[in-house]
């Protein structure tokens, strides 16, 4: 935003009104004993402070300088009128001072906003003294009018400043929360792939001596999982480092279509993973619901690798009831073949997943099945 927060025709109209009022002031001062020069100086200083283009404004011409100097010049002109000179009380100068009051409250640093606001407001209230010092009753009325104008201008400017501050805080908080969410995505993606690498590595060690013919598919799976982990991390870190607009293709992919890829990449001998997707589950569900469903499956499959390495059958089920999407991942593991303790997560995966699901008006259940095995089930409002 520029000084007066105006754009296009509104700014042109405002400049036109200000210049017209200044021209009237100069014309009115021509017949006075003080002449045109004092009025021209006051209008030149005030007009330059208001209308100087921001792109050409020198750095030393800060908002506080722009607001304080014209107010001081106007105050000196008012003091000079007390010696009996025929000074002008003009509309152009009044508009300049009100514009500078707006700038002071809207743009100056907090402490300077008070100082410059008092200077500009005091100059406005004191202006009637020039023409009405011999008529106290009229002077008081005009000063009250000036005080009302000052109060209204300062009030609107303070309200605009407060709204901008709240918007800045809201934007910063939104960006912070979004980056935390992206960091959680980074954990989910990379933990999933790296856990797969660890499982494949253990299998490679077990088959290296006894079953050479099964070793090549295991090594190929390790290579694929490592490549996907690096790609996921590169995309997500790229988003975290980007402070501008985030292109859509930088965001990690997570939707219903991606679940099939998760299932295909997960299975390793002797495990079998089955995806049961009800025909009614379409790809037009809200993106946030699809992303949450993807995270549920991803976290559940990662936990199977971590805690149920002996599972032989894992089933991923997607079902759409009227208005509700149900995602379930079940396994028949008995808790054997676990990874080393150092490879386990911090236990926050399901906690974060529950928060994500709950935020979408859904519910998450994770617990043992009847007999043996484990089930993770979530349903969302779709």
Protein backbone atom coordinates (compact mmCIF):
# COMPACT_ATOMS: atom_id res chain seq x y z
CA UNK A 1 0.00 0.00 0.00
CA UNK A 2 1.07 3.54 -0.68
CA UNK A 3 0.57 6.56 1.47
CA UNK A 4 -3.16 7.04 1.07
CA UNK A 5 -4.01 3.42 0.31
CA UNK A 6 -5.72 4.52 -2.91
CA UNK A 7 -5.59 2.88 -6.32
CA UNK A 8 -6.36 3.94 -9.87
CA UNK A 9 -9.24 6.38 -10.36
CA UNK A 10 -9.73 6.96 -6.63
CA UNK A 11 -6.12 8.06 -6.22
CA UNK A 12 -6.32 10.32 -9.28
CA UNK A 13 -9.53 11.88 -7.95
CA UNK A 14 -7.95 12.45 -4.54
CA UNK A 15 -4.91 14.13 -6.06
CA UNK A 16 -7.18 16.27 -8.21
CA UNK A 17 -9.21 17.46 -5.21
CA UNK A 18 -6.05 18.27 -3.25
CA UNK A 19 -4.49 20.24 -6.10
CA UNK A 20 -7.73 22.11 -6.75
CA UNK A 21 -8.04 23.10 -3.10
CA UNK A 22 -4.41 24.25 -3.09
CA UNK A 23 -5.03 26.37 -6.19
CA UNK A 24 -8.02 28.00 -4.46
CA UNK A 25 -5.83 28.75 -1.42
CA UNK A 26 -3.19 30.41 -3.58
CA UNK A 27 -5.80 32.48 -5.38
CA UNK A 28 -7.37 33.56 -2.09
CA UNK A 29 -4.01 34.61 -0.63
CA UNK A 30 -3.17 36.89 -3.55
CA UNK A 31 -5.14 39.82 -2.14
CA UNK A 32 -3.87 39.53 1.44
CA UNK A 33 -1.22 41.66 3.08
CA UNK A 34 1.05 38.67 3.71
CA UNK A 35 1.05 37.77 0.02
CA UNK A 36 1.22 34.40 -1.67
CA UNK A 37 4.67 33.30 -0.49
CA UNK A 38 3.84 31.98 3.04
CA UNK A 39 0.83 30.04 1.77
CA UNK A 40 2.86 28.68 -1.15
CA UNK A 41 5.58 27.45 1.21
CA UNK A 42 3.08 25.71 3.49
CA UNK A 43 1.28 24.09 0.55
CA UNK A 44 4.52 23.11 -1.17
CA UNK A 45 5.89 21.38 1.93
CA UNK A 46 2.59 19.65 2.72
CA UNK A 47 1.84 18.71 -0.88
CA UNK A 48 5.31 17.27 -1.43
CA UNK A 49 4.99 15.16 1.73
CA UNK A 50 1.65 13.76 0.57
CA UNK A 51 2.14 13.41 -3.19
CA UNK A 52 5.83 12.53 -3.61
CA UNK A 53 5.83 9.18 -5.47
CA UNK A 54 7.14 6.33 -3.34
CA UNK A 55 9.39 5.00 -6.10
CA UNK A 56 11.24 8.33 -6.30
CA UNK A 57 11.14 9.23 -2.63
CA UNK A 58 14.61 9.40 -0.99
CA UNK A 59 15.23 7.03 1.89
CA UNK A 60 15.76 9.83 4.41
CA UNK A 61 12.22 11.05 3.76
CA UNK A 62 10.72 8.64 6.28
CA UNK A 63 7.01 8.71 7.20
CA UNK A 64 7.80 10.50 10.46
CA UNK A 65 9.74 13.23 8.64
CA UNK A 66 7.00 13.61 6.05
CA UNK A 67 4.36 13.99 8.76
CA UNK A 68 6.25 16.14 11.28
CA UNK A 69 7.85 18.81 9.06
CA UNK A 70 4.65 20.09 7.36
CA UNK A 71 2.89 20.19 10.75
CA UNK A 72 5.72 22.30 12.20
CA UNK A 73 5.65 24.65 9.18
CA UNK A 74 1.87 25.04 9.49
CA UNK A 75 2.21 25.70 13.23
CA UNK A 76 4.83 28.39 12.60
CA UNK A 77 2.51 30.05 10.09
CA UNK A 78 -0.26 30.03 12.70
CA UNK A 79 2.05 31.54 15.34
CA UNK A 80 3.08 34.27 12.90
CA UNK A 81 -0.58 35.20 12.45
CA UNK A 82 -0.83 36.05 16.15
CA UNK A 83 1.18 39.21 15.47
CA UNK A 84 -1.81 40.60 13.60
CA UNK A 85 -0.94 39.51 10.09
CA UNK A 86 -3.71 38.66 7.65
CA UNK A 87 -3.06 34.89 7.45
CA UNK A 88 -5.11 32.42 5.40
CA UNK A 89 -7.16 29.56 6.82
CA UNK A 90 -7.34 27.42 3.65
CA UNK A 91 -8.93 24.15 2.61
CA UNK A 92 -5.88 22.91 0.71
CA UNK A 93 -3.66 23.09 3.78
CA UNK A 94 -6.37 21.43 5.88
CA UNK A 95 -6.60 18.50 3.46
CA UNK A 96 -2.81 18.11 3.41
CA UNK A 97 -2.64 17.98 7.19
CA UNK A 98 -5.49 15.46 7.42
CA UNK A 99 -3.78 13.26 4.83
CA UNK A 100 -0.54 13.45 6.80
CA UNK A 101 -2.43 12.62 10.00
CA UNK A 102 -3.71 9.48 8.28
CA UNK A 103 -0.17 8.58 7.19
CA UNK A 104 1.18 9.22 10.68
CA UNK A 105 -1.30 6.92 12.42
CA UNK A 106 -1.30 4.35 9.62
CA UNK A 107 2.39 4.10 8.71
CA UNK A 108 4.71 5.62 11.31
CA UNK A 109 6.38 3.44 13.96
CA UNK A 110 4.25 3.19 17.08
CA UNK A 111 5.93 5.92 19.14
CA UNK A 112 6.35 8.24 16.19
CA UNK A 113 2.71 7.70 15.26
CA UNK A 114 1.67 9.35 18.53
CA UNK A 115 4.13 12.25 18.18
CA UNK A 116 3.36 12.95 14.52
CA UNK A 117 -0.37 12.46 15.09
CA UNK A 118 -0.35 15.07 17.85
CA UNK A 119 1.63 17.50 15.69
CA UNK A 120 -0.66 17.13 12.65
CA UNK A 121 -3.83 17.12 14.73
CA UNK A 122 -2.68 20.15 16.73
CA UNK A 123 -1.89 22.02 13.52
CA UNK A 124 -5.39 21.32 12.19
CA UNK A 125 -7.13 22.41 15.40
CA UNK A 126 -5.00 25.60 15.58
CA UNK A 127 -5.66 26.74 11.99
CA UNK A 128 -8.88 28.72 12.77
CA UNK A 129 -6.86 30.97 15.09
CA UNK A 130 -5.47 32.75 12.03
CA UNK A 131 -8.82 34.15 10.88
CA UNK A 132 -10.97 34.08 14.01
CA UNK A 133 -8.70 35.13 16.86
CA UNK A 134 -10.83 38.22 17.44
CA UNK A 135 -14.09 36.23 17.52
CA UNK A 136 -13.81 33.71 20.39
CA UNK A 137 -17.29 32.22 19.94
CA UNK A 138 -16.78 31.39 16.27
CA UNK A 139 -13.21 30.29 16.97
CA UNK A 140 -14.34 27.68 19.50
CA UNK A 141 -16.88 26.26 17.05
CA UNK A 142 -14.36 25.93 14.24
CA UNK A 143 -11.81 24.38 16.58
CA UNK A 144 -14.40 21.80 17.66
CA UNK A 145 -15.07 21.00 14.01
CA UNK A 146 -11.33 20.58 13.48
CA UNK A 147 -11.13 18.33 16.52
CA UNK A 148 -13.93 16.14 15.13
CA UNK A 149 -12.13 15.88 11.77
CA UNK A 150 -8.92 14.94 13.55
CA UNK A 151 -10.69 12.31 15.64
CA UNK A 152 -12.44 10.75 12.66
CA UNK A 153 -9.27 10.64 10.55
CA UNK A 154 -7.15 9.22 13.35
CA UNK A 155 -9.86 6.69 14.25
CA UNK A 156 -10.21 5.36 10.70
CA UNK A 157 -6.43 5.23 10.30
CA UNK A 158 -5.98 3.36 13.59
CA UNK A 159 -8.70 0.91 12.57
CA UNK A 160 -7.00 0.29 9.23
CA UNK A 161 -3.65 -0.19 10.98
CA UNK A 162 -5.19 -2.65 13.42
CA UNK A 163 -6.84 -4.62 10.62
CA UNK A 164 -3.56 -4.83 8.71
CA UNK A 165 -1.74 -5.98 11.83
CA UNK A 166 -4.31 -8.69 12.49
CA UNK A 167 -4.11 -9.79 8.88
CA UNK A 168 -0.30 -9.93 9.05
CA UNK A 169 -0.47 -12.01 12.23
CA UNK A 170 -3.07 -14.31 10.68
CA UNK A 171 -0.98 -14.78 7.53
CA UNK A 172 2.15 -15.48 9.58
CA UNK A 173 0.29 -17.99 11.75
CA UNK A 174 -1.19 -19.67 8.69
CA UNK A 175 2.24 -19.96 7.10
CA UNK A 176 3.69 -21.33 10.34
CA UNK A 177 0.96 -23.95 10.66
CA UNK A 178 1.30 -24.86 7.00
CA UNK A 179 5.04 -25.35 7.37
CA UNK A 180 4.49 -27.50 10.44
CA UNK A 181 2.06 -29.54 8.38
CA UNK A 182 4.62 -29.84 5.59
CA UNK A 183 7.23 -30.92 8.13
CA UNK A 184 4.82 -33.62 9.31
CA UNK A 185 4.42 -34.68 5.68
CA UNK A 186 8.19 -34.91 5.40
CA UNK A 187 8.26 -37.22 8.42
CA UNK A 188 5.44 -39.35 7.05
CA UNK A 189 6.88 -39.81 3.58
CA UNK A 190 10.52 -40.32 4.49
CA UNK A 191 9.78 -42.53 7.52
CA UNK A 192 7.62 -44.72 5.31
CA UNK A 193 10.30 -45.16 2.64
CA UNK A 194 13.24 -45.49 5.01
CA UNK A 195 11.43 -48.09 7.09
CA UNK A 196 10.89 -50.03 3.87
CA UNK A 197 14.61 -49.81 3.11
CA UNK A 198 15.40 -51.19 6.55
CA UNK A 199 13.00 -54.10 6.12
CA UNK A 200 14.40 -54.90 2.68
CA UNK A 201 17.94 -54.74 4.06
CA UNK A 202 17.14 -57.28 6.77
CA UNK A 203 15.59 -59.57 4.20
CA UNK A 204 18.64 -59.19 1.96
CA UNK A 205 20.91 -60.26 4.80
CA UNK A 206 18.76 -63.32 5.48
CA UNK A 207 18.60 -64.41 1.82
CA UNK A 208 22.16 -63.54 0.80
CA UNK A 209 23.53 -66.99 1.58
CA UNK A 210 20.60 -69.35 1.19
CA UNK A 211 18.38 -67.94 -1.60
CA UNK A 212 20.43 -66.00 -4.12
CA UNK A 213 17.61 -66.00 -6.68
CA UNK A 214 15.38 -63.95 -4.35
CA UNK A 215 18.04 -61.34 -3.59
CA UNK A 216 17.73 -59.24 -6.75
CA UNK A 217 14.03 -58.24 -6.24
CA UNK A 218 14.85 -57.27 -2.67
CA UNK A 219 17.74 -55.06 -3.76
CA UNK A 220 15.57 -53.51 -6.46
CA UNK A 221 12.95 -52.66 -3.84
CA UNK A 222 15.61 -51.05 -1.67
CA UNK A 223 16.79 -48.92 -4.58
CA UNK A 224 13.25 -47.84 -5.43
CA UNK A 225 12.40 -46.98 -1.81
CA UNK A 226 15.60 -44.95 -1.38
CA UNK A 227 14.93 -43.04 -4.60
CA UNK A 228 11.37 -42.23 -3.50
CA UNK A 229 12.58 -41.15 -0.06
CA UNK A 230 15.06 -38.71 -1.59
CA UNK A 231 12.47 -37.39 -4.05
CA UNK A 232 9.90 -36.86 -1.27
CA UNK A 233 12.42 -35.09 0.92
CA UNK A 234 13.63 -32.90 -1.94
CA UNK A 235 10.09 -31.81 -2.84
CA UNK A 236 9.09 -31.10 0.75
CA UNK A 237 12.28 -29.26 1.70
CA UNK A 238 11.88 -27.23 -1.47
CA UNK A 239 8.47 -26.12 -0.26
CA UNK A 240 9.85 -25.27 3.21
CA UNK A 241 12.59 -23.11 1.69
CA UNK A 242 10.24 -21.32 -0.70
CA UNK A 243 8.86 -18.15 0.90
CA UNK A 244 6.73 -17.15 -2.07
CA UNK A 245 3.94 -18.85 -3.93
CA UNK A 246 4.12 -22.60 -3.68
CA UNK A 247 3.63 -24.32 -7.06
CA UNK A 248 1.22 -27.20 -6.90
CA UNK A 249 3.73 -29.66 -8.33
CA UNK A 250 6.11 -29.04 -5.43
CA UNK A 251 3.71 -30.44 -2.87
CA UNK A 252 4.11 -34.14 -2.04
CA UNK A 253 1.42 -36.20 -3.76
CA UNK A 254 -1.13 -37.76 -1.44
CA UNK A 255 -4.54 -38.80 -2.80
CA UNK A 256 -6.66 -41.86 -3.41
CA UNK A 257 -4.80 -42.66 -6.62
CA UNK A 258 -1.54 -42.69 -4.67
CA UNK A 259 -2.83 -45.40 -2.31
CA UNK A 260 -2.55 -48.00 -5.07
CA UNK A 261 1.10 -47.08 -5.49
CA UNK A 262 1.68 -47.42 -1.75
CA UNK A 263 0.16 -50.90 -1.79
CA UNK A 264 2.18 -51.98 -4.83
CA UNK A 265 5.45 -50.83 -3.29
CA UNK A 266 4.77 -52.24 0.15
CA UNK A 267 4.55 -55.98 -0.47
CA UNK A 268 7.68 -58.02 0.01
CA UNK A 269 7.93 -61.83 0.23
CA UNK A 270 6.20 -63.49 1.99
CA UNK A 271 3.74 -60.66 2.62
CA UNK A 272 0.71 -60.14 0.42
CA UNK A 273 -1.09 -56.80 0.33
CA UNK A 274 -4.59 -56.48 -1.11
CA UNK A 275 -6.37 -53.25 -2.01
CA UNK A 276 -10.15 -53.48 -1.89
CA UNK A 277 -11.58 -50.28 -3.30
CA UNK A 278 -15.34 -50.06 -3.52
CA UNK A 279 -16.49 -48.91 -6.99
CA UNK A 280 -18.45 -46.09 -5.38
CA UNK A 281 -15.22 -44.47 -4.12
CA UNK A 282 -14.60 -41.81 -6.77
CA UNK A 283 -11.65 -39.48 -7.30
CA UNK A 284 -13.72 -36.31 -6.90
CA UNK A 285 -13.64 -36.34 -3.11
CA UNK A 286 -12.29 -33.17 -1.43
CA UNK A 287 -8.47 -32.98 -1.70
CA UNK A 288 -8.05 -32.72 2.08
CA UNK A 289 -10.06 -35.92 2.57
CA UNK A 290 -8.01 -37.76 -0.06
CA UNK A 291 -4.76 -36.56 1.51
CA UNK A 292 -5.89 -37.67 4.97
CA UNK A 293 -6.92 -41.09 3.64
CA UNK A 294 -3.51 -41.44 2.00
CA UNK A 295 -1.80 -40.61 5.32
CA UNK A 296 -3.92 -43.19 7.17
CA UNK A 297 -2.86 -45.95 4.80
CA UNK A 298 0.75 -44.79 4.78
CA UNK A 299 1.02 -44.68 8.57
CA UNK A 300 -0.75 -48.01 8.97
CA UNK A 301 1.54 -49.76 6.47
CA UNK A 302 4.60 -48.22 8.09
CA UNK A 303 3.45 -49.53 11.48
CA UNK A 304 2.97 -53.02 9.99
CA UNK A 305 6.61 -52.96 8.96
CA UNK A 306 7.72 -51.72 12.34
CA UNK A 307 5.63 -53.87 14.62
CA UNK A 308 4.26 -56.81 12.62
CA UNK A 309 7.02 -58.00 10.37
CA UNK A 310 5.60 -61.54 10.51
CA UNK A 311 2.30 -60.49 8.92
CA UNK A 312 1.54 -62.44 5.74
CA UNK A 313 -1.73 -60.79 4.75
CA UNK A 314 -2.39 -57.05 4.82
CA UNK A 315 -5.67 -55.66 3.53
CA UNK A 316 -6.40 -52.04 2.63
CA UNK A 317 -10.10 -51.30 2.23
CA UNK A 318 -11.76 -48.14 0.88
CA UNK A 319 -15.53 -47.89 1.17
CA UNK A 320 -17.94 -45.01 0.63
CA UNK A 321 -21.15 -44.87 2.60
CA UNK A 322 -23.56 -41.99 1.99
CA UNK A 323 -21.50 -38.96 2.93
CA UNK A 324 -18.75 -40.96 4.69
CA UNK A 325 -15.46 -42.41 3.43
CA UNK A 326 -14.13 -45.35 5.42
CA UNK A 327 -10.46 -46.34 5.22
CA UNK A 328 -9.31 -49.52 6.97
CA UNK A 329 -5.95 -51.30 7.07
CA UNK A 330 -5.79 -54.73 8.72
CA UNK A 331 -3.04 -57.31 9.12
CA UNK A 332 -2.68 -60.81 10.56
CA UNK A 333 0.62 -60.23 12.34
CA UNK A 334 1.36 -61.54 15.80
CA UNK A 335 3.98 -58.94 16.68
CA UNK A 336 6.93 -60.99 15.51
CA UNK A 337 9.89 -59.93 13.37
CA UNK A 338 9.97 -56.44 14.85
CA UNK A 339 12.56 -53.89 13.89
CA UNK A 340 15.25 -52.81 16.35
CA UNK A 341 14.05 -50.31 18.98
CA UNK A 342 16.22 -47.59 17.47
CA UNK A 343 14.26 -47.89 14.22
CA UNK A 344 10.91 -47.24 15.86
CA UNK A 345 9.29 -43.84 15.66
CA UNK A 346 8.62 -41.57 18.60
CA UNK A 347 5.07 -42.82 18.96
CA UNK A 348 3.53 -39.62 17.59
CA UNK A 349 2.46 -40.96 14.17
CA UNK A 350 -1.00 -42.06 15.25
CA UNK A 351 -1.38 -39.02 17.50
CA UNK A 352 -0.79 -36.65 14.59
CA UNK A 353 -2.95 -38.82 12.36
CA UNK A 354 -5.84 -38.63 14.83
CA UNK A 355 -5.58 -34.84 14.92
CA UNK A 356 -5.66 -34.71 11.11
CA UNK A 357 -8.67 -37.03 10.91
CA UNK A 358 -10.54 -35.26 13.72
CA UNK A 359 -9.98 -31.88 12.07
CA UNK A 360 -11.93 -33.19 9.07
CA UNK A 361 -14.86 -34.25 11.22
CA UNK A 362 -13.82 -37.89 11.21
CA UNK A 363 -12.84 -40.53 13.72
CA UNK A 364 -9.81 -42.82 13.98
CA UNK A 365 -9.62 -46.25 15.62
CA UNK A 366 -6.45 -48.26 16.06
CA UNK A 367 -6.34 -51.51 18.01
CA UNK A 368 -6.07 -55.28 17.96
CA UNK A 369 -8.44 -57.42 15.95
CA UNK A 370 -10.28 -60.41 17.29
CA UNK A 371 -7.85 -63.31 17.58
CA UNK A 372 -4.65 -61.77 16.28
CA UNK A 373 -3.59 -58.91 14.05
CA UNK A 374 -4.16 -55.19 14.11
CA UNK A 375 -6.58 -52.76 12.52
CA UNK A 376 -6.40 -49.05 11.76
CA UNK A 377 -9.73 -47.59 10.67
CA UNK A 378 -10.75 -44.03 9.89
CA UNK A 379 -13.90 -42.48 8.50
CA UNK A 380 -14.35 -38.99 7.11
CA UNK A 381 -17.17 -36.72 6.10
CA UNK A 382 -16.99 -36.79 2.32
